[in-house]
């Protein structure tokens, strides 16, 4: 089973320090790019935890093709 592609590009997000976020790996979340703790049930996908040591602006993968989850590696550009 392949993940769904909710966005053909990155989600630019600001993450608070010392807070754990869950990145949606299945692409079916109703709250992308974060896991909604429901949509992946019945699949082999699990959310990917993210925790930053300081306030950070990062690009999270939206296409689900990254080789470095949960971070965008610009794999979405290879489809164009």
PDB file of N, CA and C in Angstrom:
ATOM      1  N   UNK A   1       0.845  -1.184   0.000  1.00  0.00           N
ATOM      2  CA  UNK A   1       0.000   0.000   0.000  1.00  0.00           C
ATOM      3  C   UNK A   1       0.888   1.244   0.000  1.00  0.00           C
ATOM      4  N   UNK A   2       0.580   2.165  -0.891  1.00  0.00           N
ATOM      5  CA  UNK A   2       1.323   3.419  -0.951  1.00  0.00           C
ATOM      6  C   UNK A   2       0.561   4.496  -0.197  1.00  0.00           C
ATOM      7  N   UNK A   3       1.295   5.455   0.387  1.00  0.00           N
ATOM      8  CA  UNK A   3       0.600   6.548   1.069  1.00  0.00           C
ATOM      9  C   UNK A   3      -0.080   7.468   0.063  1.00  0.00           C
ATOM     10  N   UNK A   4      -1.113   8.153   0.519  1.00  0.00           N
ATOM     11  CA  UNK A   4      -1.757   9.167  -0.307  1.00  0.00           C
ATOM     12  C   UNK A   4      -0.896  10.426  -0.304  1.00  0.00           C
ATOM     13  N   UNK A   5      -1.064  11.249  -1.316  1.00  0.00           N
ATOM     14  CA  UNK A   5      -0.283  12.483  -1.475  1.00  0.00           C
ATOM     15  C   UNK A   5      -1.204  13.678  -1.260  1.00  0.00           C
ATOM     16  N   UNK A   6      -1.295  14.195  -0.017  1.00  0.00           N
ATOM     17  CA  UNK A   6      -2.210  15.302   0.237  1.00  0.00           C
ATOM     18  C   UNK A   6      -1.745  16.643  -0.345  1.00  0.00           C
ATOM     19  N   UNK A   7      -0.446  16.774  -0.599  1.00  0.00           N
ATOM     20  CA  UNK A   7       0.085  18.041  -1.110  1.00  0.00           C
ATOM     21  C   UNK A   7       1.354  17.749  -1.902  1.00  0.00           C
ATOM     22  N   UNK A   8       1.442  18.254  -3.102  1.00  0.00           N
ATOM     23  CA  UNK A   8       2.633  18.032  -3.918  1.00  0.00           C
ATOM     24  C   UNK A   8       3.664  19.123  -3.631  1.00  0.00           C
ATOM     25  N   UNK A   9       4.092  19.160  -2.391  1.00  0.00           N
ATOM     26  CA  UNK A   9       5.061  20.142  -1.928  1.00  0.00           C
ATOM     27  C   UNK A   9       5.154  20.070  -0.420  1.00  0.00           C
ATOM     28  N   UNK A  10       6.032  20.864   0.170  1.00  0.00           N
ATOM     29  CA  UNK A  10       6.231  20.803   1.617  1.00  0.00           C
ATOM     30  C   UNK A  10       5.200  21.605   2.406  1.00  0.00           C
ATOM     31  N   UNK A  11       5.070  21.238   3.652  1.00  0.00           N
ATOM     32  CA  UNK A  11       4.328  22.023   4.632  1.00  0.00           C
ATOM     33  C   UNK A  11       5.368  22.779   5.460  1.00  0.00           C
ATOM     34  N   UNK A  12       5.413  24.071   5.332  1.00  0.00           N
ATOM     35  CA  UNK A  12       6.301  24.869   6.169  1.00  0.00           C
ATOM     36  C   UNK A  12       5.642  25.090   7.514  1.00  0.00           C
ATOM     37  N   UNK A  13       6.275  24.614   8.574  1.00  0.00           N
ATOM     38  CA  UNK A  13       5.663  24.688   9.904  1.00  0.00           C
ATOM     39  C   UNK A  13       6.661  25.196  10.942  1.00  0.00           C
ATOM     40  N   UNK A  14       6.126  25.854  11.950  1.00  0.00           N
ATOM     41  CA  UNK A  14       6.913  26.297  13.097  1.00  0.00           C
ATOM     42  C   UNK A  14       6.630  25.312  14.233  1.00  0.00           C
ATOM     43  N   UNK A  15       7.676  24.671  14.720  1.00  0.00           N
ATOM     44  CA  UNK A  15       7.527  23.694  15.799  1.00  0.00           C
ATOM     45  C   UNK A  15       8.116  24.261  17.085  1.00  0.00           C
ATOM     46  N   UNK A  16       7.355  24.127  18.146  1.00  0.00           N
ATOM     47  CA  UNK A  16       7.787  24.609  19.455  1.00  0.00           C
ATOM     48  C   UNK A  16       8.867  23.691  20.023  1.00  0.00           C
ATOM     49  N   UNK A  17       9.708  24.258  20.852  1.00  0.00           N
ATOM     50  CA  UNK A  17      10.754  23.448  21.477  1.00  0.00           C
ATOM     51  C   UNK A  17      10.159  22.484  22.498  1.00  0.00           C
ATOM     52  N   UNK A  18      10.769  21.317  22.601  1.00  0.00           N
ATOM     53  CA  UNK A  18      10.424  20.286  23.584  1.00  0.00           C
ATOM     54  C   UNK A  18       8.963  19.852  23.551  1.00  0.00           C
ATOM     55  N   UNK A  19       8.350  19.906  22.379  1.00  0.00           N
ATOM     56  CA  UNK A  19       6.987  19.409  22.196  1.00  0.00           C
ATOM     57  C   UNK A  19       7.036  18.344  21.112  1.00  0.00           C
ATOM     58  N   UNK A  20       6.358  17.225  21.338  1.00  0.00           N
ATOM     59  CA  UNK A  20       6.347  16.152  20.360  1.00  0.00           C
ATOM     60  C   UNK A  20       5.158  16.303  19.415  1.00  0.00           C
ATOM     61  N   UNK A  21       5.455  16.244  18.131  1.00  0.00           N
ATOM     62  CA  UNK A  21       4.451  16.292  17.070  1.00  0.00           C
ATOM     63  C   UNK A  21       4.478  14.947  16.356  1.00  0.00           C
ATOM     64  N   UNK A  22       3.372  14.560  15.773  1.00  0.00           N
ATOM     65  CA  UNK A  22       3.307  13.312  15.012  1.00  0.00           C
ATOM     66  C   UNK A  22       3.001  13.632  13.554  1.00  0.00           C
ATOM     67  N   UNK A  23       3.964  13.337  12.672  1.00  0.00           N
ATOM     68  CA  UNK A  23       3.800  13.559  11.240  1.00  0.00           C
ATOM     69  C   UNK A  23       3.015  12.399  10.644  1.00  0.00           C
ATOM     70  N   UNK A  24       2.037  12.726   9.836  1.00  0.00           N
ATOM     71  CA  UNK A  24       1.214  11.715   9.178  1.00  0.00           C
ATOM     72  C   UNK A  24       2.008  11.048   8.063  1.00  0.00           C
ATOM     73  N   UNK A  25       2.185   9.752   8.138  1.00  0.00           N
ATOM     74  CA  UNK A  25       2.917   8.998   7.113  1.00  0.00           C
ATOM     75  C   UNK A  25       1.991   8.386   6.064  1.00  0.00           C
ATOM     76  N   UNK A  26       0.695   8.262   6.385  1.00  0.00           N
ATOM     77  CA  UNK A  26      -0.232   7.615   5.452  1.00  0.00           C
ATOM     78  C   UNK A  26      -0.815   8.590   4.434  1.00  0.00           C
ATOM     79  N   UNK A  27      -0.820   9.879   4.756  1.00  0.00           N
ATOM     80  CA  UNK A  27      -1.373  10.877   3.852  1.00  0.00           C
ATOM     81  C   UNK A  27      -2.879  11.009   3.917  1.00  0.00           C
ATOM     82  N   UNK A  28      -3.508  10.339   4.873  1.00  0.00           N
ATOM     83  CA  UNK A  28      -4.973  10.346   4.950  1.00  0.00           C
ATOM     84  C   UNK A  28      -5.500  11.193   6.104  1.00  0.00           C
ATOM     85  N   UNK A  29      -4.631  11.838   6.849  1.00  0.00           N
ATOM     86  CA  UNK A  29      -5.036  12.620   8.013  1.00  0.00           C
ATOM     87  C   UNK A  29      -5.970  13.765   7.619  1.00  0.00           C
ATOM     88  N   UNK A  30      -6.893  14.071   8.492  1.00  0.00           N
ATOM     89  CA  UNK A  30      -7.769  15.226   8.298  1.00  0.00           C
ATOM     90  C   UNK A  30      -7.104  16.500   8.807  1.00  0.00           C
ATOM     91  N   UNK A  31      -5.889  16.382   9.343  1.00  0.00           N
ATOM     92  CA  UNK A  31      -5.159  17.520   9.902  1.00  0.00           C
ATOM     93  C   UNK A  31      -3.703  17.512   9.419  1.00  0.00           C
ATOM     94  N   UNK A  32      -3.486  17.470   8.082  1.00  0.00           N
ATOM     95  CA  UNK A  32      -2.113  17.388   7.590  1.00  0.00           C
ATOM     96  C   UNK A  32      -1.312  18.643   7.927  1.00  0.00           C
ATOM     97  N   UNK A  33      -0.021  18.523   8.180  1.00  0.00           N
ATOM     98  CA  UNK A  33       0.806  17.347   8.003  1.00  0.00           C
ATOM     99  C   UNK A  33       0.848  16.440   9.233  1.00  0.00           C
ATOM    100  N   UNK A  34       0.020  16.743  10.210  1.00  0.00           N
ATOM    101  CA  UNK A  34       0.057  15.997  11.457  1.00  0.00           C
ATOM    102  C   UNK A  34      -0.920  14.821  11.443  1.00  0.00           C
ATOM    103  N   UNK A  35      -0.578  13.794  12.175  1.00  0.00           N
ATOM    104  CA  UNK A  35      -1.422  12.616  12.302  1.00  0.00           C
ATOM    105  C   UNK A  35      -2.678  12.970  13.105  1.00  0.00           C
ATOM    106  N   UNK A  36      -3.818  12.459  12.657  1.00  0.00           N
ATOM    107  CA  UNK A  36      -5.067  12.672  13.402  1.00  0.00           C
ATOM    108  C   UNK A  36      -5.403  11.464  14.296  1.00  0.00           C
ATOM    109  N   UNK A  37      -4.479  10.519  14.388  1.00  0.00           N
ATOM    110  CA  UNK A  37      -4.620   9.321  15.228  1.00  0.00           C
ATOM    111  C   UNK A  37      -5.791   8.436  14.840  1.00  0.00           C
ATOM    112  N   UNK A  38      -6.329   8.603  13.653  1.00  0.00           N
ATOM    113  CA  UNK A  38      -7.436   7.784  13.186  1.00  0.00           C
ATOM    114  C   UNK A  38      -7.202   7.228  11.789  1.00  0.00           C
ATOM    115  N   UNK A  39      -6.775   8.064  10.883  1.00  0.00           N
ATOM    116  CA  UNK A  39      -6.751   7.742   9.454  1.00  0.00           C
ATOM    117  C   UNK A  39      -5.841   6.579   9.086  1.00  0.00           C
ATOM    118  N   UNK A  40      -4.774   6.345   9.844  1.00  0.00           N
ATOM    119  CA  UNK A  40      -3.838   5.272   9.501  1.00  0.00           C
ATOM    120  C   UNK A  40      -4.291   3.903  10.006  1.00  0.00           C
ATOM    121  N   UNK A  41      -5.323   3.862  10.810  1.00  0.00           N
ATOM    122  CA  UNK A  41      -5.792   2.580  11.343  1.00  0.00           C
ATOM    123  C   UNK A  41      -6.210   1.667  10.204  1.00  0.00           C
ATOM    124  N   UNK A  42      -5.797   0.421  10.273  1.00  0.00           N
ATOM    125  CA  UNK A  42      -6.081  -0.543   9.230  1.00  0.00           C
ATOM    126  C   UNK A  42      -5.048  -0.530   8.111  1.00  0.00           C
ATOM    127  N   UNK A  43      -3.997   0.285   8.270  1.00  0.00           N
ATOM    128  CA  UNK A  43      -2.905   0.322   7.294  1.00  0.00           C
ATOM    129  C   UNK A  43      -1.620  -0.106   7.996  1.00  0.00           C
ATOM    130  N   UNK A  44      -0.547  -0.193   7.244  1.00  0.00           N
ATOM    131  CA  UNK A  44       0.761  -0.513   7.822  1.00  0.00           C
ATOM    132  C   UNK A  44       1.524   0.743   8.228  1.00  0.00           C
ATOM    133  N   UNK A  45       0.912   1.905   8.051  1.00  0.00           N
ATOM    134  CA  UNK A  45       1.588   3.165   8.339  1.00  0.00           C
ATOM    135  C   UNK A  45       1.468   3.542   9.808  1.00  0.00           C
ATOM    136  N   UNK A  46       2.540   4.128  10.318  1.00  0.00           N
ATOM    137  CA  UNK A  46       2.547   4.664  11.677  1.00  0.00           C
ATOM    138  C   UNK A  46       3.014   6.111  11.621  1.00  0.00           C
ATOM    139  N   UNK A  47       2.509   6.957  12.518  1.00  0.00           N
ATOM    140  CA  UNK A  47       2.968   8.338  12.543  1.00  0.00           C
ATOM    141  C   UNK A  47       4.440   8.406  12.952  1.00  0.00           C
ATOM    142  N   UNK A  48       5.110   9.458  12.484  1.00  0.00           N
ATOM    143  CA  UNK A  48       6.529   9.657  12.784  1.00  0.00           C
ATOM    144  C   UNK A  48       6.659  10.789  13.801  1.00  0.00           C
ATOM    145  N   UNK A  49       7.213  10.501  14.991  1.00  0.00           N
ATOM    146  CA  UNK A  49       7.363  11.556  15.991  1.00  0.00           C
ATOM    147  C   UNK A  49       8.458  12.560  15.605  1.00  0.00           C
ATOM    148  N   UNK A  50       8.194  13.819  15.918  1.00  0.00           N
ATOM    149  CA  UNK A  50       9.155  14.904  15.686  1.00  0.00           C
ATOM    150  C   UNK A  50       9.253  15.693  16.989  1.00  0.00           C
ATOM    151  N   UNK A  51      10.475  15.969  17.399  1.00  0.00           N
ATOM    152  CA  UNK A  51      10.690  16.773  18.609  1.00  0.00           C
ATOM    153  C   UNK A  51      11.921  17.638  18.379  1.00  0.00           C
ATOM    154  N   UNK A  52      11.765  18.936  18.554  1.00  0.00           N
ATOM    155  CA  UNK A  52      12.862  19.875  18.334  1.00  0.00           C
ATOM    156  C   UNK A  52      13.394  20.373  19.680  1.00  0.00           C
ATOM    157  N   UNK A  53      14.694  20.620  19.739  1.00  0.00           N
ATOM    158  CA  UNK A  53      15.319  21.136  20.959  1.00  0.00           C
ATOM    159  C   UNK A  53      15.130  22.638  21.107  1.00  0.00           C
ATOM    160  N   UNK A  54      14.760  23.293  20.009  1.00  0.00           N
ATOM    161  CA  UNK A  54      14.520  24.736  20.048  1.00  0.00           C
ATOM    162  C   UNK A  54      13.420  25.080  19.056  1.00  0.00           C
ATOM    163  N   UNK A  55      12.843  26.249  19.179  1.00  0.00           N
ATOM    164  CA  UNK A  55      11.839  26.718  18.243  1.00  0.00           C
ATOM    165  C   UNK A  55      12.414  26.624  16.838  1.00  0.00           C
ATOM    166  N   UNK A  56      11.721  25.938  15.935  1.00  0.00           N
ATOM    167  CA  UNK A  56      12.288  25.670  14.614  1.00  0.00           C
ATOM    168  C   UNK A  56      11.233  25.777  13.529  1.00  0.00           C
ATOM    169  N   UNK A  57      11.623  26.394  12.411  1.00  0.00           N
ATOM    170  CA  UNK A  57      10.793  26.402  11.208  1.00  0.00           C
ATOM    171  C   UNK A  57      11.365  25.332  10.292  1.00  0.00           C
ATOM    172  N   UNK A  58      10.533  24.354   9.923  1.00  0.00           N
ATOM    173  CA  UNK A  58      11.008  23.259   9.073  1.00  0.00           C
ATOM    174  C   UNK A  58       9.987  22.976   7.975  1.00  0.00           C
ATOM    175  N   UNK A  59      10.432  22.276   6.959  1.00  0.00           N
ATOM    176  CA  UNK A  59       9.563  21.839   5.872  1.00  0.00           C
ATOM    177  C   UNK A  59       9.292  20.350   6.015  1.00  0.00           C
ATOM    178  N   UNK A  60       8.028  20.025   6.282  1.00  0.00           N
ATOM    179  CA  UNK A  60       7.618  18.631   6.389  1.00  0.00           C
ATOM    180  C   UNK A  60       7.096  18.155   5.035  1.00  0.00           C
ATOM    181  N   UNK A  61       7.392  16.932   4.702  1.00  0.00           N
ATOM    182  CA  UNK A  61       6.997  16.360   3.419  1.00  0.00           C
ATOM    183  C   UNK A  61       5.476  16.301   3.290  1.00  0.00           C
ATOM    184  N   UNK A  62       4.989  16.735   2.133  1.00  0.00           N
ATOM    185  CA  UNK A  62       3.564  16.644   1.842  1.00  0.00           C
ATOM    186  C   UNK A  62       3.243  15.566   0.831  1.00  0.00           C
ATOM    187  N   UNK A  63       4.224  15.202  -0.006  1.00  0.00           N
ATOM    188  CA  UNK A  63       3.976  14.222  -1.075  1.00  0.00           C
ATOM    189  C   UNK A  63       4.149  12.779  -0.597  1.00  0.00           C
ATOM    190  N   UNK A  64       4.787  12.597   0.544  1.00  0.00           N
ATOM    191  CA  UNK A  64       5.024  11.274   1.149  1.00  0.00           C
ATOM    192  C   UNK A  64       6.038  10.427   0.382  1.00  0.00           C
ATOM    193  N   UNK A  65       6.853  11.064  -0.465  1.00  0.00           N
ATOM    194  CA  UNK A  65       7.868  10.339  -1.237  1.00  0.00           C
ATOM    195  C   UNK A  65       9.286  10.569  -0.713  1.00  0.00           C
ATOM    196  N   UNK A  66       9.412  11.348   0.342  1.00  0.00           N
ATOM    197  CA  UNK A  66      10.723  11.676   0.887  1.00  0.00           C
ATOM    198  C   UNK A  66      11.503  10.428   1.295  1.00  0.00           C
ATOM    199  N   UNK A  67      12.794  10.507   1.148  1.00  0.00           N
ATOM    200  CA  UNK A  67      13.683   9.427   1.603  1.00  0.00           C
ATOM    201  C   UNK A  67      14.156   9.709   3.031  1.00  0.00           C
ATOM    202  N   UNK A  68      13.729  10.857   3.582  1.00  0.00           N
ATOM    203  CA  UNK A  68      14.154  11.282   4.914  1.00  0.00           C
ATOM    204  C   UNK A  68      12.942  11.752   5.729  1.00  0.00           C
ATOM    205  N   UNK A  69      11.970  10.849   5.979  1.00  0.00           N
ATOM    206  CA  UNK A  69      10.768  11.269   6.696  1.00  0.00           C
ATOM    207  C   UNK A  69      11.073  11.762   8.105  1.00  0.00           C
ATOM    208  N   UNK A  70      10.419  12.791   8.546  1.00  0.00           N
ATOM    209  CA  UNK A  70       9.268  13.475   7.969  1.00  0.00           C
ATOM    210  C   UNK A  70       9.640  14.710   7.140  1.00  0.00           C
ATOM    211  N   UNK A  71      10.926  14.889   6.875  1.00  0.00           N
ATOM    212  CA  UNK A  71      11.398  16.134   6.253  1.00  0.00           C
ATOM    213  C   UNK A  71      11.279  16.098   4.725  1.00  0.00           C
ATOM    214  N   UNK A  72      10.945  17.235   4.149  1.00  0.00           N
ATOM    215  CA  UNK A  72      10.875  17.354   2.693  1.00  0.00           C
ATOM    216  C   UNK A  72      12.286  17.270   2.120  1.00  0.00           C
ATOM    217  N   UNK A  73      12.476  16.386   1.135  1.00  0.00           N
ATOM    218  CA  UNK A  73      13.764  16.292   0.438  1.00  0.00           C
ATOM    219  C   UNK A  73      13.598  16.675  -1.044  1.00  0.00           C
ATOM    220  N   UNK A  74      12.473  17.323  -1.332  1.00  0.00           N
ATOM    221  CA  UNK A  74      12.131  17.816  -2.668  1.00  0.00           C
ATOM    222  C   UNK A  74      11.860  16.697  -3.672  1.00  0.00           C
ATOM    223  N   UNK A  75      11.483  15.532  -3.182  1.00  0.00           N
ATOM    224  CA  UNK A  75      11.110  14.430  -4.070  1.00  0.00           C
ATOM    225  C   UNK A  75       9.917  14.801  -4.950  1.00  0.00           C
ATOM    226  N   UNK A  76       9.072  15.703  -4.478  1.00  0.00           N
ATOM    227  CA  UNK A  76       7.909  16.122  -5.269  1.00  0.00           C
ATOM    228  C   UNK A  76       8.320  16.794  -6.581  1.00  0.00           C
ATOM    229  N   UNK A  77       9.512  17.346  -6.644  1.00  0.00           N
ATOM    230  CA  UNK A  77       9.985  18.008  -7.860  1.00  0.00           C
ATOM    231  C   UNK A  77      10.371  17.005  -8.945  1.00  0.00           C
ATOM    232  N   UNK A  78      10.649  15.779  -8.561  1.00  0.00           N
ATOM    233  CA  UNK A  78      11.059  14.752  -9.524  1.00  0.00           C
ATOM    234  C   UNK A  78       9.894  14.282 -10.393  1.00  0.00           C
ATOM    235  N   UNK A  79       8.667  14.592  -9.984  1.00  0.00           N
ATOM    236  CA  UNK A  79       7.485  14.197 -10.750  1.00  0.00           C
ATOM    237  C   UNK A  79       7.132  15.202 -11.834  1.00  0.00           C
ATOM    238  N   UNK A  80       7.711  16.375 -11.765  1.00  0.00           N
ATOM    239  CA  UNK A  80       7.336  17.445 -12.707  1.00  0.00           C
ATOM    240  C   UNK A  80       8.030  17.291 -14.032  1.00  0.00           C
TER     241      UNK A  80
END
